[in-house]
Amino acid sequence: MKESSLWRYLKQGMAGRWHASRHEESCELGVPDVSYGCGGRCGWIELKSMDSWPSRPESIVRVRLKEHQRRWLKDRGVAGGSCWLLLRVGIDYLLIHHSRIDLVGESNRDVLTQSAHCYWRGRIIWGELASALAGFGS
């Protein structure tokens, strides 16, 4: 699944739960793929998609998150924004909060799945995602 397919899946599943826009072309380097309003909170989501996990469990998961994307999520999150990475790997989905973004690209599968705010296997549970994006339990 490419990022565009991940966006379509997200858009369809969250229909009626949020207001969101995709930002494919941005004037500023690092601006995430999606801006949203959900449950009274506004935020940003960077979408990343990989076909599979590394074959060895201890291997670092090499997510193609560029340094300027990482910095944008972290800086905006620290300044008060609700900023996330939604990572799809095979059939797994991980929602990673900006406060944990430095683990991405530096960690193995176990560390990533354990540090994710939400982790789903097979499909996203839309109510859980909406609650996370709206700030419940974060």
Protein backbone atom coordinates (compact mmCIF):
# COMPACT_ATOMS: atom_id res chain seq x y z
CA MET A 1 0.00 0.00 0.00
CA LYS A 2 1.40 3.35 -1.04
CA GLU A 3 0.93 6.55 0.94
CA SER A 4 -1.87 7.58 -1.42
CA SER A 5 -3.69 4.31 -0.66
CA LEU A 6 -3.08 4.82 3.05
CA TRP A 7 -4.64 8.27 2.72
CA ARG A 8 -7.74 6.86 0.96
CA TYR A 9 -8.11 4.19 3.66
CA LEU A 10 -7.75 6.82 6.40
CA LYS A 11 -10.12 9.27 4.73
CA GLN A 12 -12.82 6.63 4.23
CA GLY A 13 -12.49 5.14 7.72
CA MET A 14 -12.55 8.50 9.49
CA ALA A 15 -15.43 9.93 7.44
CA GLY A 16 -17.85 11.72 9.75
CA ARG A 17 -15.35 11.72 12.64
CA TRP A 18 -13.08 14.50 11.47
CA HIS A 19 -12.39 17.23 8.93
CA ALA A 20 -9.10 16.62 7.12
CA SER A 21 -7.10 17.83 4.12
CA ARG A 22 -4.21 16.23 2.29
CA HIS A 23 -1.22 18.46 1.56
CA GLU A 24 0.64 16.83 -1.30
CA GLU A 25 2.39 19.98 -2.40
CA SER A 26 3.54 22.35 0.30
CA CYS A 27 5.38 25.65 0.22
CA GLU A 28 7.31 24.77 3.37
CA LEU A 29 9.74 21.88 3.65
CA GLY A 30 8.62 19.21 6.12
CA VAL A 31 4.91 20.07 6.38
CA PRO A 32 3.07 16.77 7.04
CA ASP A 33 0.75 15.08 4.58
CA VAL A 34 -2.52 15.66 6.44
CA SER A 35 -4.00 18.41 8.59
CA TYR A 36 -7.10 17.61 10.61
CA GLY A 37 -9.68 18.79 13.09
CA CYS A 38 -11.14 16.12 15.36
CA GLY A 39 -12.97 16.36 18.67
CA GLY A 40 -12.12 20.03 19.14
CA ARG A 41 -8.42 19.62 18.41
CA CYS A 42 -6.41 20.44 15.30
CA GLY A 43 -3.31 18.59 14.27
CA TRP A 44 -1.05 17.10 11.65
CA ILE A 45 -0.25 13.59 10.47
CA GLU A 46 2.73 12.42 8.41
CA LEU A 47 1.89 9.24 6.47
CA LYS A 48 4.50 6.56 5.80
CA SER A 49 4.03 3.13 4.31
CA MET A 50 6.34 0.13 4.03
CA ASP A 51 5.67 -3.27 2.47
CA SER A 52 7.15 -5.33 5.31
CA TRP A 53 9.14 -5.40 8.51
CA PRO A 54 12.84 -6.32 8.33
CA SER A 55 13.31 -10.10 8.31
CA ARG A 56 15.39 -10.08 11.51
CA PRO A 57 13.53 -8.88 14.64
CA GLU A 58 16.55 -7.00 15.97
CA SER A 59 17.07 -5.05 12.72
CA ILE A 60 16.45 -1.31 12.67
CA VAL A 61 13.22 -0.41 10.85
CA ARG A 62 14.30 2.01 8.12
CA VAL A 63 11.36 4.37 7.74
CA ARG A 64 11.82 6.97 4.99
CA LEU A 65 11.19 9.88 7.33
CA LYS A 66 13.39 12.79 6.27
CA GLU A 67 15.12 14.91 8.86
CA HIS A 68 13.13 18.03 7.96
CA GLN A 69 9.87 16.02 8.38
CA ARG A 70 11.00 14.73 11.77
CA ARG A 71 12.03 18.21 12.89
CA TRP A 72 8.73 19.79 11.75
CA LEU A 73 6.63 17.25 13.68
CA LYS A 74 8.78 17.62 16.77
CA ASP A 75 8.97 21.43 16.71
CA ARG A 76 5.26 21.92 16.07
CA GLY A 77 4.37 19.31 18.68
CA VAL A 78 6.56 20.98 21.31
CA ALA A 79 5.00 24.34 20.42
CA GLY A 80 1.57 22.94 21.21
CA GLY A 81 0.37 21.15 18.10
CA SER A 82 -1.05 17.64 17.94
CA CYS A 83 1.45 15.93 15.63
CA TRP A 84 1.64 12.29 14.63
CA LEU A 85 3.24 9.77 12.31
CA LEU A 86 0.88 7.11 10.98
CA LEU A 87 3.07 4.25 9.83
CA ARG A 88 1.78 1.23 7.96
CA VAL A 89 4.11 -1.77 7.75
CA GLY A 90 2.57 -4.72 5.95
CA ILE A 91 -0.74 -5.26 7.79
CA ASP A 92 0.32 -3.33 10.90
CA TYR A 93 -0.57 0.29 11.67
CA LEU A 94 1.26 2.39 14.25
CA LEU A 95 0.28 5.86 15.44
CA ILE A 96 3.39 7.52 16.82
CA HIS A 97 3.21 10.74 18.81
CA HIS A 98 5.67 13.55 18.05
CA SER A 99 7.31 13.04 21.46
CA ARG A 100 8.47 9.59 20.28
CA ILE A 101 9.47 10.59 16.74
CA ASP A 102 13.21 10.23 17.45
CA LEU A 103 12.71 6.47 17.84
CA VAL A 104 11.62 6.24 14.19
CA GLY A 105 14.51 5.09 12.03
CA GLU A 106 16.59 4.24 15.11
CA SER A 107 14.61 1.33 16.56
CA ASN A 108 13.60 -2.25 15.87
CA ARG A 109 10.09 -3.57 15.46
CA ASP A 110 9.52 -4.31 19.16
CA VAL A 111 10.59 -0.84 20.30
CA LEU A 112 8.41 0.85 17.67
CA THR A 113 5.29 -1.18 18.39
CA GLN A 114 5.68 -0.78 22.17
CA SER A 115 6.26 2.97 21.95
CA ALA A 116 3.39 3.64 19.53
CA HIS A 117 0.43 5.48 21.02
CA CYS A 118 -1.83 3.05 19.14
CA TYR A 119 -0.96 -0.19 17.39
CA TRP A 120 -3.39 -2.13 15.20
CA ARG A 121 -2.88 -5.37 13.32
CA GLY A 122 -4.93 -5.91 10.17
CA ARG A 123 -7.05 -2.77 10.38
CA ILE A 124 -7.31 0.51 12.22
CA ILE A 125 -10.00 0.78 14.89
CA TRP A 126 -11.43 4.14 13.88
CA GLY A 127 -12.87 5.12 17.26
CA GLU A 128 -9.48 4.59 18.89
CA LEU A 129 -7.78 6.67 16.23
CA ALA A 130 -10.32 9.47 16.61
CA SER A 131 -9.85 9.47 20.40
CA ALA A 132 -6.07 9.64 20.05
CA LEU A 133 -6.22 12.48 17.53
CA ALA A 134 -8.68 14.39 19.70
CA GLY A 135 -6.28 14.12 22.63
CA PHE A 136 -7.95 11.50 24.82
CA GLY A 137 -5.39 9.41 26.66
CA SER A 138 -2.40 11.33 25.33
